Every structure is written in structure tokens, then in C-alpha cells.
Amino acid sequence: MSFREVKAEELTMNPFTKIGKEWLLITAGNEEKCNTMTASWGAMGVMWGKNAVTVYIRPQRYTKEFVDREDTFTISVLGEEYRKALNYCGKVSGKNADNKIKEAGLTPYFTDGTAGIEEADMIMVCKKMYHDEIKPECFDAGENDGKWYPQKDYHTMYIAEILKVLVRE
């Protein structure tokens, strides 16, 4: 399978649908070892004059170790035919699976020193610019703390520059 590079400004997708309904895979690592996880929270836009994404990862997610260690990660967008794989990658930890990506029926795709998913319709190569933990004292709408964080396992927010967008040919 092959990809071609496009400019982020050429994308016509709806981020509300793509992220919140169709979901994404956040993947990090290298050819020696990589891991992926499903995400249904995030944002796309412009930050500090750069095309950017914002992703959120809970502390217990194994993929977080890879994202924290590396300078880059990818976001892979898959078609609806991969819904079972997306569900699997959201429920199973790579810590507990020998090869989570393969077990999900997916294939790692290595590009620009990081890993994505070969079955994706689109892969965004992202470089971390900023991260911080969500803090309970910073909630302006306090009900969100209790609703989304009953375990107090606050996400880390990562803002990353979109370095490259690859779309399936």
C-alpha cells in the first residue's frame, strides 16, 4: 500500500466526526518497538503559527510511555471497516499483548523515525511542542471533573505540530 503527501491545509475532513465518532489511533515508537491506542478526544487547528493537533492520553496507557520518550508520534485515521481493530486498540494494553498491533489485524508503517498504521486512510506525523497534565483545580465546569475523572486519572494533553500528512493513494 502506498501513500502520497498532501498539505494539511488541503484536508477537507470534519474533525468533529473524524475524532469523536470515527476515532483515531495514536502510535509512537520505532521499528524495534512501537505501540498504538485508540483516541476519541482531540483537536486540530493552528497553534503558535503551526498546523497542530492536540491529543489526550491517560497515565495508565502504555502508549503514553512511547509518546513521552519520543519527539514524534503519528495519528492514523482508519475506515469504518477497521472498527473492530479500533475497539481492540482501545481496550487492550500493549503491556499485556505480545504484539497488540498485529493482534488487532493491523500492520505498523514506519515513516520519519516513527510508526503509524499501514491500513490507515491518512497518517499525520506529529512533533510534540507542549504537554501538561489536566489539573482538577483548573476546571471551570467542575462537573466534568467528576464525570470524566472518577478515578482521578487525569489525561496528559499533548500539543504537536503536524509535520507531514500522508493519504492513501
N, C-alpha and C. Protein backbone atom coordinates (compact mmCIF):
# COMPACT_ATOMS: atom_id res chain seq x y z
N MET A 1 0.85 -1.17 0.00
CA MET A 1 0.00 0.00 0.00
C MET A 1 0.89 1.23 0.00
N SER A 2 0.44 2.25 -0.69
CA SER A 2 1.29 3.43 -0.76
C SER A 2 0.51 4.69 -0.36
N PHE A 3 1.28 5.67 0.04
CA PHE A 3 0.74 6.94 0.47
C PHE A 3 1.37 8.06 -0.35
N ARG A 4 0.66 9.18 -0.42
CA ARG A 4 1.23 10.39 -1.01
C ARG A 4 1.07 11.50 0.01
N GLU A 5 2.00 12.43 -0.04
CA GLU A 5 1.97 13.54 0.91
C GLU A 5 1.07 14.66 0.40
N VAL A 6 0.27 15.22 1.30
CA VAL A 6 -0.56 16.39 0.99
C VAL A 6 -0.31 17.44 2.07
N LYS A 7 -0.70 18.66 1.78
CA LYS A 7 -0.58 19.74 2.77
C LYS A 7 -1.76 19.66 3.73
N ALA A 8 -1.50 19.94 4.98
CA ALA A 8 -2.56 19.92 5.99
C ALA A 8 -3.70 20.86 5.61
N GLU A 9 -3.37 21.97 4.97
CA GLU A 9 -4.40 22.95 4.59
C GLU A 9 -5.33 22.41 3.50
N GLU A 10 -4.96 21.34 2.84
CA GLU A 10 -5.79 20.74 1.80
C GLU A 10 -6.82 19.76 2.34
N LEU A 11 -6.74 19.42 3.61
CA LEU A 11 -7.67 18.45 4.19
C LEU A 11 -9.08 19.03 4.23
N THR A 12 -10.06 18.19 3.92
CA THR A 12 -11.45 18.63 3.92
C THR A 12 -12.29 17.85 4.93
N MET A 13 -11.67 17.04 5.75
CA MET A 13 -12.42 16.23 6.71
C MET A 13 -13.04 17.08 7.81
N ASN A 14 -14.06 16.54 8.44
CA ASN A 14 -14.69 17.18 9.58
C ASN A 14 -14.04 16.62 10.85
N PRO A 15 -13.28 17.43 11.60
CA PRO A 15 -12.58 16.89 12.78
C PRO A 15 -13.53 16.40 13.87
N PHE A 16 -14.74 16.97 13.95
CA PHE A 16 -15.69 16.53 14.97
C PHE A 16 -16.12 15.09 14.71
N THR A 17 -16.37 14.78 13.45
CA THR A 17 -16.75 13.42 13.06
C THR A 17 -15.54 12.50 13.13
N LYS A 18 -14.45 12.94 12.56
CA LYS A 18 -13.26 12.10 12.46
C LYS A 18 -12.75 11.69 13.84
N ILE A 19 -12.69 12.62 14.77
CA ILE A 19 -12.16 12.32 16.10
C ILE A 19 -13.23 11.69 16.99
N GLY A 20 -14.35 12.36 17.12
CA GLY A 20 -15.36 11.95 18.11
C GLY A 20 -16.19 10.75 17.73
N LYS A 21 -16.42 10.52 16.45
CA LYS A 21 -17.28 9.41 16.02
C LYS A 21 -16.50 8.27 15.38
N GLU A 22 -15.53 8.60 14.52
CA GLU A 22 -14.79 7.57 13.80
C GLU A 22 -13.55 7.11 14.54
N TRP A 23 -12.99 7.96 15.38
CA TRP A 23 -11.84 7.69 16.23
C TRP A 23 -10.53 7.68 15.46
N LEU A 24 -9.44 7.75 16.20
CA LEU A 24 -8.08 7.80 15.66
C LEU A 24 -7.23 6.78 16.39
N LEU A 25 -6.08 6.46 15.80
CA LEU A 25 -5.07 5.71 16.52
C LEU A 25 -3.87 6.61 16.72
N ILE A 26 -3.40 6.71 17.96
CA ILE A 26 -2.16 7.41 18.29
C ILE A 26 -1.10 6.33 18.39
N THR A 27 -0.04 6.47 17.61
CA THR A 27 1.01 5.46 17.57
C THR A 27 2.36 6.13 17.78
N ALA A 28 3.22 5.49 18.54
CA ALA A 28 4.57 6.03 18.76
C ALA A 28 5.54 4.88 18.91
N GLY A 29 6.78 5.17 18.66
CA GLY A 29 7.83 4.18 18.78
C GLY A 29 8.66 4.13 17.51
N ASN A 30 9.35 3.01 17.34
CA ASN A 30 10.21 2.85 16.17
C ASN A 30 10.12 1.42 15.68
N GLU A 31 11.01 1.05 14.75
CA GLU A 31 10.95 -0.29 14.17
C GLU A 31 11.28 -1.38 15.18
N GLU A 32 12.00 -1.04 16.23
CA GLU A 32 12.29 -2.02 17.28
C GLU A 32 11.05 -2.32 18.12
N LYS A 33 10.33 -1.25 18.51
CA LYS A 33 9.15 -1.43 19.36
C LYS A 33 8.26 -0.20 19.23
N CYS A 34 6.98 -0.46 19.02
CA CYS A 34 6.01 0.63 18.94
C CYS A 34 4.70 0.17 19.57
N ASN A 35 3.82 1.11 19.83
CA ASN A 35 2.52 0.79 20.41
C ASN A 35 1.50 1.80 19.91
N THR A 36 0.25 1.39 19.95
CA THR A 36 -0.84 2.25 19.48
C THR A 36 -2.00 2.21 20.45
N MET A 37 -2.83 3.22 20.41
CA MET A 37 -4.04 3.28 21.22
C MET A 37 -5.11 4.07 20.49
N THR A 38 -6.35 3.75 20.77
CA THR A 38 -7.48 4.46 20.18
C THR A 38 -7.73 5.75 20.95
N ALA A 39 -8.09 6.80 20.21
CA ALA A 39 -8.42 8.08 20.82
C ALA A 39 -9.72 8.59 20.22
N SER A 40 -10.57 9.13 21.07
CA SER A 40 -11.80 9.76 20.59
C SER A 40 -11.93 11.18 21.12
N TRP A 41 -10.86 11.67 21.72
CA TRP A 41 -10.78 13.06 22.15
C TRP A 41 -9.59 13.68 21.45
N GLY A 42 -9.71 14.94 21.06
CA GLY A 42 -8.60 15.63 20.44
C GLY A 42 -9.08 16.87 19.71
N ALA A 43 -8.14 17.55 19.09
CA ALA A 43 -8.45 18.78 18.37
C ALA A 43 -7.44 18.99 17.26
N MET A 44 -7.85 19.73 16.24
CA MET A 44 -6.97 20.11 15.14
C MET A 44 -7.16 21.58 14.87
N GLY A 45 -6.07 22.28 14.57
CA GLY A 45 -6.16 23.70 14.28
C GLY A 45 -4.78 24.31 14.11
N VAL A 46 -4.66 25.55 14.52
CA VAL A 46 -3.40 26.26 14.40
C VAL A 46 -2.99 26.70 15.80
N MET A 47 -1.73 26.44 16.16
CA MET A 47 -1.20 26.84 17.46
C MET A 47 0.21 27.35 17.25
N TRP A 48 0.53 28.49 17.78
CA TRP A 48 1.85 29.08 17.67
C TRP A 48 2.29 29.17 16.20
N GLY A 49 1.33 29.51 15.35
CA GLY A 49 1.61 29.69 13.93
C GLY A 49 1.87 28.42 13.16
N LYS A 50 1.55 27.27 13.75
CA LYS A 50 1.80 25.98 13.10
C LYS A 50 0.53 25.16 13.06
N ASN A 51 0.37 24.36 12.00
CA ASN A 51 -0.72 23.39 11.96
C ASN A 51 -0.49 22.40 13.09
N ALA A 52 -1.52 22.16 13.87
CA ALA A 52 -1.31 21.40 15.10
C ALA A 52 -2.47 20.48 15.41
N VAL A 53 -2.17 19.47 16.22
CA VAL A 53 -3.17 18.60 16.81
C VAL A 53 -2.95 18.62 18.32
N THR A 54 -4.03 18.35 19.02
CA THR A 54 -3.96 18.17 20.46
C THR A 54 -4.55 16.80 20.76
N VAL A 55 -3.80 15.99 21.48
CA VAL A 55 -4.29 14.66 21.87
C VAL A 55 -4.17 14.54 23.38
N TYR A 56 -4.95 13.61 23.92
CA TYR A 56 -5.03 13.42 25.36
C TYR A 56 -4.81 11.95 25.68
N ILE A 57 -3.91 11.68 26.62
CA ILE A 57 -3.59 10.30 26.96
C ILE A 57 -3.60 10.14 28.48
N ARG A 58 -4.35 9.14 28.95
CA ARG A 58 -4.39 8.87 30.39
C ARG A 58 -3.07 8.25 30.85
N PRO A 59 -2.72 8.43 32.13
CA PRO A 59 -1.42 7.98 32.62
C PRO A 59 -1.21 6.46 32.54
N GLN A 60 -2.28 5.68 32.63
CA GLN A 60 -2.12 4.23 32.63
C GLN A 60 -1.96 3.63 31.24
N ARG A 61 -2.10 4.44 30.19
CA ARG A 61 -1.97 3.90 28.84
C ARG A 61 -0.51 3.64 28.50
N TYR A 62 -0.23 2.45 28.01
CA TYR A 62 1.13 2.05 27.66
C TYR A 62 1.69 2.93 26.54
N THR A 63 0.86 3.34 25.61
CA THR A 63 1.31 4.21 24.51
C THR A 63 1.91 5.51 25.05
N LYS A 64 1.45 5.96 26.20
CA LYS A 64 1.97 7.20 26.78
C LYS A 64 3.48 7.12 27.01
N GLU A 65 3.97 5.95 27.41
CA GLU A 65 5.42 5.79 27.60
C GLU A 65 6.18 6.07 26.30
N PHE A 66 5.62 5.62 25.18
CA PHE A 66 6.26 5.82 23.88
C PHE A 66 6.17 7.29 23.46
N VAL A 67 5.01 7.89 23.65
CA VAL A 67 4.84 9.30 23.29
C VAL A 67 5.76 10.17 24.15
N ASP A 68 5.87 9.86 25.43
CA ASP A 68 6.74 10.64 26.31
C ASP A 68 8.21 10.50 25.92
N ARG A 69 8.61 9.33 25.50
CA ARG A 69 10.01 9.06 25.19
C ARG A 69 10.45 9.64 23.84
N GLU A 70 9.57 9.66 22.87
CA GLU A 70 9.91 10.07 21.51
C GLU A 70 9.56 11.54 21.27
N ASP A 71 10.19 12.14 20.27
CA ASP A 71 9.86 13.51 19.87
C ASP A 71 8.64 13.55 18.96
N THR A 72 8.38 12.43 18.26
CA THR A 72 7.29 12.39 17.29
C THR A 72 6.37 11.22 17.57
N PHE A 73 5.16 11.32 17.04
CA PHE A 73 4.18 10.24 17.06
C PHE A 73 3.30 10.43 15.84
N THR A 74 2.42 9.49 15.58
CA THR A 74 1.50 9.65 14.46
C THR A 74 0.06 9.54 14.93
N ILE A 75 -0.79 10.09 14.10
CA ILE A 75 -2.23 9.89 14.21
C ILE A 75 -2.64 9.20 12.92
N SER A 76 -3.29 8.05 13.06
CA SER A 76 -3.76 7.30 11.90
C SER A 76 -5.28 7.30 11.90
N VAL A 77 -5.85 7.59 10.73
CA VAL A 77 -7.29 7.61 10.54
C VAL A 77 -7.64 6.39 9.68
N LEU A 78 -8.49 5.53 10.21
CA LEU A 78 -8.87 4.31 9.51
C LEU A 78 -10.34 4.34 9.11
N GLY A 79 -10.67 3.56 8.11
CA GLY A 79 -12.06 3.46 7.66
C GLY A 79 -12.91 2.63 8.61
N GLU A 80 -14.20 2.69 8.42
CA GLU A 80 -15.17 2.01 9.27
C GLU A 80 -14.94 0.49 9.29
N GLU A 81 -14.35 -0.05 8.21
CA GLU A 81 -14.10 -1.50 8.17
C GLU A 81 -13.09 -1.94 9.24
N TYR A 82 -12.45 -0.99 9.90
CA TYR A 82 -11.49 -1.30 10.96
C TYR A 82 -12.04 -0.99 12.36
N ARG A 83 -13.36 -0.91 12.48
CA ARG A 83 -13.98 -0.59 13.78
C ARG A 83 -13.60 -1.61 14.85
N LYS A 84 -13.56 -2.91 14.50
CA LYS A 84 -13.18 -3.92 15.48
C LYS A 84 -11.73 -3.71 15.95
N ALA A 85 -10.85 -3.36 15.03
CA ALA A 85 -9.46 -3.09 15.40
C ALA A 85 -9.36 -1.86 16.30
N LEU A 86 -10.14 -0.82 15.99
CA LEU A 86 -10.15 0.38 16.83
C LEU A 86 -10.66 0.05 18.23
N ASN A 87 -11.71 -0.75 18.32
CA ASN A 87 -12.22 -1.18 19.63
C ASN A 87 -11.15 -1.96 20.39
N TYR A 88 -10.50 -2.89 19.72
CA TYR A 88 -9.45 -3.69 20.34
C TYR A 88 -8.32 -2.80 20.88
N CYS A 89 -7.87 -1.87 20.05
CA CYS A 89 -6.76 -1.00 20.46
C CYS A 89 -7.15 -0.04 21.57
N GLY A 90 -8.44 0.16 21.78
CA GLY A 90 -8.90 0.99 22.88
C GLY A 90 -9.06 0.23 24.18
N LYS A 91 -9.18 -1.09 24.09
CA LYS A 91 -9.44 -1.90 25.29
C LYS A 91 -8.24 -2.70 25.77
N VAL A 92 -7.36 -3.09 24.86
CA VAL A 92 -6.25 -3.97 25.20
C VAL A 92 -4.97 -3.15 25.33
N SER A 93 -4.24 -3.39 26.39
CA SER A 93 -2.97 -2.70 26.60
C SER A 93 -1.84 -3.45 25.91
N GLY A 94 -0.95 -2.70 25.29
CA GLY A 94 0.24 -3.29 24.69
C GLY A 94 1.15 -3.92 25.72
N LYS A 95 0.99 -3.55 27.00
CA LYS A 95 1.77 -4.16 28.07
C LYS A 95 1.39 -5.62 28.23
N ASN A 96 0.11 -5.92 27.94
CA ASN A 96 -0.42 -7.26 28.17
C ASN A 96 -0.57 -8.09 26.90
N ALA A 97 -0.21 -7.53 25.77
CA ALA A 97 -0.33 -8.24 24.50
C ALA A 97 1.05 -8.32 23.86
N ASP A 98 1.39 -9.47 23.32
CA ASP A 98 2.71 -9.64 22.71
C ASP A 98 2.93 -8.66 21.56
N ASN A 99 1.96 -8.55 20.70
CA ASN A 99 2.05 -7.64 19.57
C ASN A 99 0.66 -7.09 19.30
N LYS A 100 0.28 -6.07 20.05
CA LYS A 100 -1.07 -5.52 20.01
C LYS A 100 -1.48 -5.12 18.60
N ILE A 101 -0.59 -4.48 17.86
CA ILE A 101 -0.94 -4.02 16.51
C ILE A 101 -1.28 -5.20 15.62
N LYS A 102 -0.45 -6.22 15.64
CA LYS A 102 -0.70 -7.41 14.82
C LYS A 102 -1.97 -8.12 15.29
N GLU A 103 -2.15 -8.24 16.61
CA GLU A 103 -3.34 -8.91 17.15
C GLU A 103 -4.62 -8.17 16.78
N ALA A 104 -4.53 -6.87 16.52
CA ALA A 104 -5.69 -6.09 16.09
C ALA A 104 -5.94 -6.26 14.59
N GLY A 105 -5.05 -6.99 13.91
CA GLY A 105 -5.20 -7.17 12.46
C GLY A 105 -4.61 -6.02 11.66
N LEU A 106 -3.69 -5.27 12.28
CA LEU A 106 -3.10 -4.10 11.65
C LEU A 106 -1.60 -4.32 11.44
N THR A 107 -1.00 -3.41 10.68
CA THR A 107 0.42 -3.51 10.33
C THR A 107 1.10 -2.18 10.64
N PRO A 108 2.24 -2.21 11.33
CA PRO A 108 2.97 -0.95 11.55
C PRO A 108 3.50 -0.40 10.22
N TYR A 109 3.49 0.91 10.11
CA TYR A 109 4.03 1.60 8.94
C TYR A 109 5.05 2.59 9.46
N PHE A 110 6.31 2.43 9.08
CA PHE A 110 7.37 3.27 9.63
C PHE A 110 7.71 4.39 8.65
N THR A 111 7.71 5.59 9.19
CA THR A 111 8.00 6.78 8.39
C THR A 111 8.59 7.85 9.29
N ASP A 112 9.56 8.57 8.80
CA ASP A 112 10.11 9.73 9.51
C ASP A 112 10.53 9.42 10.94
N GLY A 113 11.06 8.23 11.18
CA GLY A 113 11.55 7.87 12.50
C GLY A 113 10.49 7.51 13.51
N THR A 114 9.26 7.31 13.06
CA THR A 114 8.19 6.93 13.97
C THR A 114 7.31 5.88 13.30
N ALA A 115 6.26 5.48 13.99
CA ALA A 115 5.38 4.42 13.48
C ALA A 115 3.96 4.93 13.32
N GLY A 116 3.33 4.47 12.26
CA GLY A 116 1.91 4.70 12.03
C GLY A 116 1.26 3.36 11.74
N ILE A 117 0.09 3.40 11.11
CA ILE A 117 -0.65 2.18 10.79
C ILE A 117 -0.85 2.12 9.27
N GLU A 118 -0.36 1.04 8.67
CA GLU A 118 -0.37 0.90 7.21
C GLU A 118 -1.78 0.88 6.63
N GLU A 119 -2.75 0.38 7.35
CA GLU A 119 -4.12 0.28 6.85
C GLU A 119 -4.86 1.62 6.87
N ALA A 120 -4.24 2.65 7.38
CA ALA A 120 -4.88 3.96 7.52
C ALA A 120 -5.21 4.60 6.18
N ASP A 121 -6.26 5.39 6.18
CA ASP A 121 -6.58 6.24 5.03
C ASP A 121 -5.71 7.49 5.06
N MET A 122 -5.31 7.88 6.28
CA MET A 122 -4.48 9.07 6.45
C MET A 122 -3.59 8.88 7.68
N ILE A 123 -2.35 9.34 7.56
CA ILE A 123 -1.41 9.34 8.69
C ILE A 123 -0.86 10.76 8.83
N MET A 124 -0.93 11.29 10.03
CA MET A 124 -0.30 12.57 10.33
C MET A 124 0.93 12.31 11.19
N VAL A 125 2.08 12.78 10.73
CA VAL A 125 3.31 12.70 11.51
C VAL A 125 3.37 13.97 12.34
N CYS A 126 3.47 13.82 13.65
CA CYS A 126 3.36 14.95 14.57
C CYS A 126 4.60 15.06 15.46
N LYS A 127 5.01 16.31 15.71
CA LYS A 127 6.16 16.57 16.59
C LYS A 127 5.66 17.32 17.83
N LYS A 128 5.96 16.76 18.99
CA LYS A 128 5.49 17.37 20.23
C LYS A 128 6.05 18.78 20.38
N MET A 129 5.17 19.70 20.79
CA MET A 129 5.57 21.08 21.09
C MET A 129 5.35 21.42 22.56
N TYR A 130 4.35 20.77 23.20
CA TYR A 130 3.98 21.14 24.57
C TYR A 130 3.18 19.99 25.17
N HIS A 131 3.31 19.80 26.46
CA HIS A 131 2.44 18.86 27.16
C HIS A 131 2.23 19.34 28.59
N ASP A 132 1.12 18.93 29.15
CA ASP A 132 0.81 19.25 30.54
C ASP A 132 -0.31 18.32 30.99
N GLU A 133 -0.38 18.09 32.29
CA GLU A 133 -1.45 17.27 32.84
C GLU A 133 -2.69 18.14 33.07
N ILE A 134 -3.83 17.55 32.85
CA ILE A 134 -5.08 18.22 33.21
C ILE A 134 -5.13 18.25 34.74
N LYS A 135 -5.47 19.41 35.28
CA LYS A 135 -5.45 19.60 36.74
C LYS A 135 -6.86 19.84 37.25
N PRO A 136 -7.25 19.18 38.33
CA PRO A 136 -8.61 19.34 38.83
C PRO A 136 -8.93 20.78 39.21
N GLU A 137 -7.95 21.52 39.70
CA GLU A 137 -8.21 22.90 40.12
C GLU A 137 -8.43 23.85 38.94
N CYS A 138 -8.18 23.38 37.74
CA CYS A 138 -8.32 24.23 36.56
C CYS A 138 -9.66 24.07 35.86
N PHE A 139 -10.52 23.18 36.33
CA PHE A 139 -11.83 23.00 35.71
C PHE A 139 -12.70 24.22 35.99
N ASP A 140 -13.17 24.87 34.95
CA ASP A 140 -14.15 25.94 35.09
C ASP A 140 -15.55 25.34 35.16
N ALA A 141 -15.75 24.22 34.48
CA ALA A 141 -17.01 23.47 34.56
C ALA A 141 -16.72 22.25 35.43
N GLY A 142 -16.86 22.41 36.72
CA GLY A 142 -16.47 21.40 37.69
C GLY A 142 -17.11 20.05 37.51
N GLU A 143 -18.31 20.01 36.91
CA GLU A 143 -18.98 18.73 36.71
C GLU A 143 -18.17 17.79 35.82
N ASN A 144 -17.31 18.35 34.95
CA ASN A 144 -16.50 17.49 34.08
C ASN A 144 -15.45 16.70 34.85
N ASP A 145 -14.98 17.25 35.96
CA ASP A 145 -14.01 16.53 36.78
C ASP A 145 -14.65 15.24 37.30
N GLY A 146 -15.77 15.36 37.94
CA GLY A 146 -16.44 14.18 38.50
C GLY A 146 -16.93 13.21 37.45
N LYS A 147 -17.42 13.73 36.34
CA LYS A 147 -17.98 12.87 35.28
C LYS A 147 -16.89 12.07 34.56
N TRP A 148 -15.81 12.71 34.20
CA TRP A 148 -14.80 12.09 33.35
C TRP A 148 -13.59 11.55 34.11
N TYR A 149 -13.46 11.95 35.39
CA TYR A 149 -12.27 11.53 36.15
C TYR A 149 -12.63 10.99 37.54
N PRO A 150 -13.54 10.04 37.62
CA PRO A 150 -13.86 9.49 38.95
C PRO A 150 -12.67 8.78 39.59
N GLN A 151 -11.74 8.28 38.77
CA GLN A 151 -10.54 7.61 39.27
C GLN A 151 -9.38 8.59 39.48
N LYS A 152 -9.61 9.87 39.14
CA LYS A 152 -8.58 10.91 39.25
C LYS A 152 -7.36 10.60 38.38
N ASP A 153 -7.58 9.90 37.27
CA ASP A 153 -6.51 9.55 36.32
C ASP A 153 -6.50 10.55 35.18
N TYR A 154 -6.08 11.76 35.50
CA TYR A 154 -6.16 12.88 34.56
C TYR A 154 -5.26 12.68 33.35
N HIS A 155 -5.82 13.01 32.18
CA HIS A 155 -5.07 12.93 30.93
C HIS A 155 -3.86 13.87 30.92
N THR A 156 -2.86 13.50 30.15
CA THR A 156 -1.82 14.45 29.75
C THR A 156 -2.24 14.96 28.38
N MET A 157 -2.19 16.27 28.21
CA MET A 157 -2.51 16.91 26.94
C MET A 157 -1.20 17.15 26.19
N TYR A 158 -1.18 16.75 24.93
CA TYR A 158 0.00 16.97 24.07
C TYR A 158 -0.43 17.84 22.90
N ILE A 159 0.25 18.95 22.70
CA ILE A 159 0.06 19.78 21.52
C ILE A 159 1.24 19.50 20.61
N ALA A 160 0.94 19.13 19.37
CA ALA A 160 2.01 18.72 18.45
C ALA A 160 1.83 19.37 17.09
N GLU A 161 2.94 19.74 16.50
CA GLU A 161 2.93 20.27 15.14
C GLU A 161 2.73 19.12 14.16
N ILE A 162 1.89 19.35 13.16
CA ILE A 162 1.71 18.37 12.09
C ILE A 162 2.85 18.60 11.10
N LEU A 163 3.80 17.67 11.06
CA LEU A 163 4.94 17.78 10.18
C LEU A 163 4.63 17.31 8.77
N LYS A 164 3.78 16.30 8.66
CA LYS A 164 3.51 15.67 7.37
C LYS A 164 2.15 15.01 7.42
N VAL A 165 1.42 15.06 6.31
CA VAL A 165 0.16 14.35 6.17
C VAL A 165 0.30 13.42 4.98
N LEU A 166 0.06 12.15 5.21
CA LEU A 166 0.10 11.13 4.18
C LEU A 166 -1.30 10.58 3.97
N VAL A 167 -1.74 10.51 2.72
CA VAL A 167 -3.06 9.95 2.40
C VAL A 167 -2.87 8.75 1.48
N ARG A 168 -3.77 7.80 1.62
CA ARG A 168 -3.72 6.60 0.81
C ARG A 168 -3.94 6.94 -0.65
N GLU A 169 -3.14 6.33 -1.50
CA GLU A 169 -3.30 6.54 -2.94
C GLU A 169 -4.31 5.59 -3.51
